[in-house]
N, C-alpha and C. Protein backbone atom coordinates (compact mmCIF):
# COMPACT_ATOMS: atom_id res chain seq x y z
N UNK A 1 18.48 2.18 5.13
CA UNK A 1 18.14 3.08 6.22
C UNK A 1 19.39 3.33 7.05
N UNK A 2 19.57 4.54 7.46
CA UNK A 2 20.71 4.88 8.30
C UNK A 2 20.57 4.26 9.68
N UNK A 3 21.69 3.80 10.25
CA UNK A 3 21.65 3.21 11.58
C UNK A 3 21.53 4.25 12.68
N UNK A 4 21.72 5.54 12.36
CA UNK A 4 21.64 6.57 13.38
C UNK A 4 20.22 7.08 13.59
N UNK A 5 19.24 6.49 12.91
CA UNK A 5 17.85 6.91 13.03
C UNK A 5 17.29 6.44 14.37
N UNK A 6 16.59 7.35 15.07
CA UNK A 6 15.95 7.02 16.34
C UNK A 6 14.49 6.71 16.07
N UNK A 7 13.98 5.63 16.66
CA UNK A 7 12.58 5.25 16.47
C UNK A 7 12.13 4.27 17.51
N UNK A 8 11.18 3.44 17.14
CA UNK A 8 10.67 2.46 18.09
C UNK A 8 10.69 1.06 17.49
N UNK A 9 11.12 0.13 18.30
CA UNK A 9 11.14 -1.29 17.96
C UNK A 9 9.96 -1.92 18.69
N UNK A 10 9.03 -2.48 17.92
CA UNK A 10 7.82 -3.04 18.50
C UNK A 10 7.81 -4.55 18.33
N UNK A 11 7.54 -5.26 19.42
CA UNK A 11 7.39 -6.70 19.41
C UNK A 11 5.90 -7.03 19.47
N UNK A 12 5.43 -7.90 18.58
CA UNK A 12 4.02 -8.26 18.56
C UNK A 12 3.87 -9.71 18.12
N UNK A 13 2.66 -10.23 18.28
CA UNK A 13 2.37 -11.59 17.83
C UNK A 13 0.90 -11.68 17.49
N UNK A 14 0.53 -12.72 16.74
CA UNK A 14 -0.86 -12.96 16.39
C UNK A 14 -1.48 -13.90 17.42
N UNK A 15 -2.69 -13.55 17.84
CA UNK A 15 -3.45 -14.41 18.75
C UNK A 15 -4.82 -14.67 18.12
N UNK A 16 -5.44 -15.77 18.49
CA UNK A 16 -6.78 -16.10 18.02
C UNK A 16 -7.80 -15.59 19.03
N UNK A 17 -8.76 -14.82 18.54
CA UNK A 17 -9.82 -14.27 19.40
C UNK A 17 -11.11 -15.02 19.08
N UNK A 18 -11.68 -15.73 20.09
CA UNK A 18 -12.92 -16.48 19.83
C UNK A 18 -14.06 -15.55 19.43
N UNK A 19 -14.83 -16.00 18.46
CA UNK A 19 -16.00 -15.25 18.00
C UNK A 19 -17.22 -16.15 18.17
N UNK A 20 -18.36 -15.67 17.72
CA UNK A 20 -19.59 -16.45 17.80
C UNK A 20 -19.52 -17.68 16.89
N UNK A 21 -20.31 -18.67 17.20
CA UNK A 21 -20.46 -19.88 16.40
C UNK A 21 -19.16 -20.68 16.27
N UNK A 22 -18.31 -20.64 17.27
CA UNK A 22 -17.09 -21.43 17.26
C UNK A 22 -15.99 -20.93 16.34
N UNK A 23 -16.17 -19.79 15.75
CA UNK A 23 -15.15 -19.23 14.87
C UNK A 23 -14.18 -18.38 15.68
N UNK A 24 -13.06 -18.09 15.05
CA UNK A 24 -12.06 -17.23 15.70
C UNK A 24 -11.45 -16.33 14.63
N UNK A 25 -10.99 -15.17 15.06
CA UNK A 25 -10.27 -14.29 14.14
C UNK A 25 -8.91 -14.00 14.74
N UNK A 26 -7.95 -13.75 13.88
CA UNK A 26 -6.60 -13.45 14.37
C UNK A 26 -6.46 -11.95 14.57
N UNK A 27 -5.76 -11.61 15.62
CA UNK A 27 -5.52 -10.21 15.95
C UNK A 27 -4.05 -10.05 16.31
N UNK A 28 -3.45 -8.99 15.84
CA UNK A 28 -2.06 -8.69 16.18
C UNK A 28 -2.03 -7.94 17.51
N UNK A 29 -1.24 -8.45 18.46
CA UNK A 29 -1.18 -7.88 19.80
C UNK A 29 0.23 -7.38 20.07
N UNK A 30 0.33 -6.13 20.51
CA UNK A 30 1.64 -5.55 20.85
C UNK A 30 2.08 -6.06 22.21
N UNK A 31 3.28 -6.60 22.26
CA UNK A 31 3.83 -7.12 23.50
C UNK A 31 4.70 -6.10 24.21
N UNK A 32 5.51 -5.37 23.45
CA UNK A 32 6.43 -4.40 24.05
C UNK A 32 6.92 -3.43 22.98
N UNK A 33 7.29 -2.25 23.43
CA UNK A 33 7.89 -1.24 22.55
C UNK A 33 9.16 -0.73 23.21
N UNK A 34 10.25 -0.68 22.44
CA UNK A 34 11.53 -0.18 22.92
C UNK A 34 11.93 1.00 22.05
N UNK A 35 12.21 2.14 22.65
CA UNK A 35 12.67 3.31 21.90
C UNK A 35 14.19 3.25 21.84
N UNK A 36 14.73 3.28 20.61
CA UNK A 36 16.16 3.07 20.45
C UNK A 36 16.65 3.57 19.10
N UNK A 37 17.96 3.54 18.92
CA UNK A 37 18.57 3.80 17.62
C UNK A 37 18.41 2.55 16.77
N UNK A 38 18.37 2.73 15.46
CA UNK A 38 18.25 1.58 14.54
C UNK A 38 19.41 0.61 14.74
N UNK A 39 20.58 1.14 15.02
CA UNK A 39 21.78 0.30 15.19
C UNK A 39 21.69 -0.60 16.42
N UNK A 40 20.79 -0.32 17.35
CA UNK A 40 20.64 -1.10 18.58
C UNK A 40 19.60 -2.22 18.46
N UNK A 41 18.88 -2.28 17.33
CA UNK A 41 17.76 -3.21 17.18
C UNK A 41 18.18 -4.67 17.36
N UNK A 42 19.25 -5.07 16.71
CA UNK A 42 19.67 -6.48 16.79
C UNK A 42 19.94 -6.89 18.23
N UNK A 43 20.56 -6.01 18.99
CA UNK A 43 20.85 -6.29 20.40
C UNK A 43 19.55 -6.46 21.20
N UNK A 44 18.58 -5.59 20.98
CA UNK A 44 17.29 -5.69 21.69
C UNK A 44 16.52 -6.94 21.27
N UNK A 45 16.57 -7.29 19.99
CA UNK A 45 15.87 -8.48 19.51
C UNK A 45 16.48 -9.73 20.15
N UNK A 46 17.79 -9.83 20.18
CA UNK A 46 18.45 -11.00 20.79
C UNK A 46 18.12 -11.09 22.28
N UNK A 47 18.10 -9.96 22.98
CA UNK A 47 17.77 -9.96 24.41
C UNK A 47 16.32 -10.40 24.62
N UNK A 48 15.42 -9.93 23.76
CA UNK A 48 14.02 -10.33 23.86
C UNK A 48 13.87 -11.83 23.63
N UNK A 49 14.53 -12.34 22.59
CA UNK A 49 14.46 -13.77 22.29
C UNK A 49 15.01 -14.61 23.43
N UNK A 50 16.11 -14.19 24.03
CA UNK A 50 16.71 -14.93 25.14
C UNK A 50 15.79 -14.95 26.36
N UNK A 51 15.07 -13.86 26.58
CA UNK A 51 14.18 -13.77 27.74
C UNK A 51 12.84 -14.46 27.51
N UNK A 52 12.51 -14.73 26.24
CA UNK A 52 11.19 -15.29 25.91
C UNK A 52 11.34 -16.46 24.94
N UNK A 53 12.20 -17.40 25.28
CA UNK A 53 12.50 -18.52 24.39
C UNK A 53 11.26 -19.31 23.98
N UNK A 54 10.30 -19.44 24.87
CA UNK A 54 9.12 -20.26 24.62
C UNK A 54 8.26 -19.70 23.49
N UNK A 55 8.19 -18.38 23.34
CA UNK A 55 7.33 -17.78 22.32
C UNK A 55 8.11 -17.06 21.22
N UNK A 56 9.43 -17.05 21.29
CA UNK A 56 10.26 -16.26 20.38
C UNK A 56 9.96 -16.55 18.91
N UNK A 57 9.67 -17.78 18.57
CA UNK A 57 9.42 -18.12 17.16
C UNK A 57 8.09 -17.57 16.65
N UNK A 58 7.21 -17.12 17.53
CA UNK A 58 5.90 -16.59 17.15
C UNK A 58 5.85 -15.06 17.17
N UNK A 59 6.95 -14.42 17.53
CA UNK A 59 6.98 -12.96 17.73
C UNK A 59 7.52 -12.26 16.48
N UNK A 60 6.90 -11.14 16.15
CA UNK A 60 7.35 -10.28 15.07
C UNK A 60 8.02 -9.06 15.67
N UNK A 61 9.07 -8.56 15.01
CA UNK A 61 9.73 -7.33 15.44
C UNK A 61 9.67 -6.35 14.28
N UNK A 62 9.32 -5.09 14.59
CA UNK A 62 9.19 -4.07 13.57
C UNK A 62 9.80 -2.76 14.07
N UNK A 63 10.67 -2.16 13.28
CA UNK A 63 11.26 -0.87 13.62
C UNK A 63 10.58 0.20 12.78
N UNK A 64 10.18 1.29 13.41
CA UNK A 64 9.57 2.39 12.66
C UNK A 64 10.03 3.71 13.25
N UNK A 65 9.97 4.73 12.40
CA UNK A 65 10.30 6.07 12.86
C UNK A 65 9.45 7.06 12.10
N UNK A 66 9.34 8.27 12.64
CA UNK A 66 8.62 9.35 11.99
C UNK A 66 9.55 10.54 11.88
N UNK A 67 9.36 11.26 10.82
CA UNK A 67 10.19 12.43 10.60
C UNK A 67 9.30 13.66 10.55
N UNK A 68 9.64 14.65 11.33
CA UNK A 68 8.89 15.92 11.32
C UNK A 68 9.49 16.80 10.24
N UNK A 69 8.66 17.33 9.37
CA UNK A 69 9.12 18.18 8.28
C UNK A 69 8.62 19.60 8.49
N UNK A 70 9.47 20.56 8.22
CA UNK A 70 9.04 21.97 8.29
C UNK A 70 8.22 22.29 7.05
N UNK A 71 7.15 23.02 7.23
CA UNK A 71 6.32 23.45 6.08
C UNK A 71 6.28 24.94 5.95
């Protein structure tokens, strides 16, 4: 992927949601979204980890973008 692509970097984690009868299901929860160039992702991830050391090992980071096509 080109580093000049603009998109969104999303931070999320899994949490347990209590259900009936003492069961729980896991749900992915979005913590934050940063709009940036792909080349800036590592910098944002390191800053997020430094600011959230206690939960950093449980957080997922995902970069995505969409492309508009002429039809």
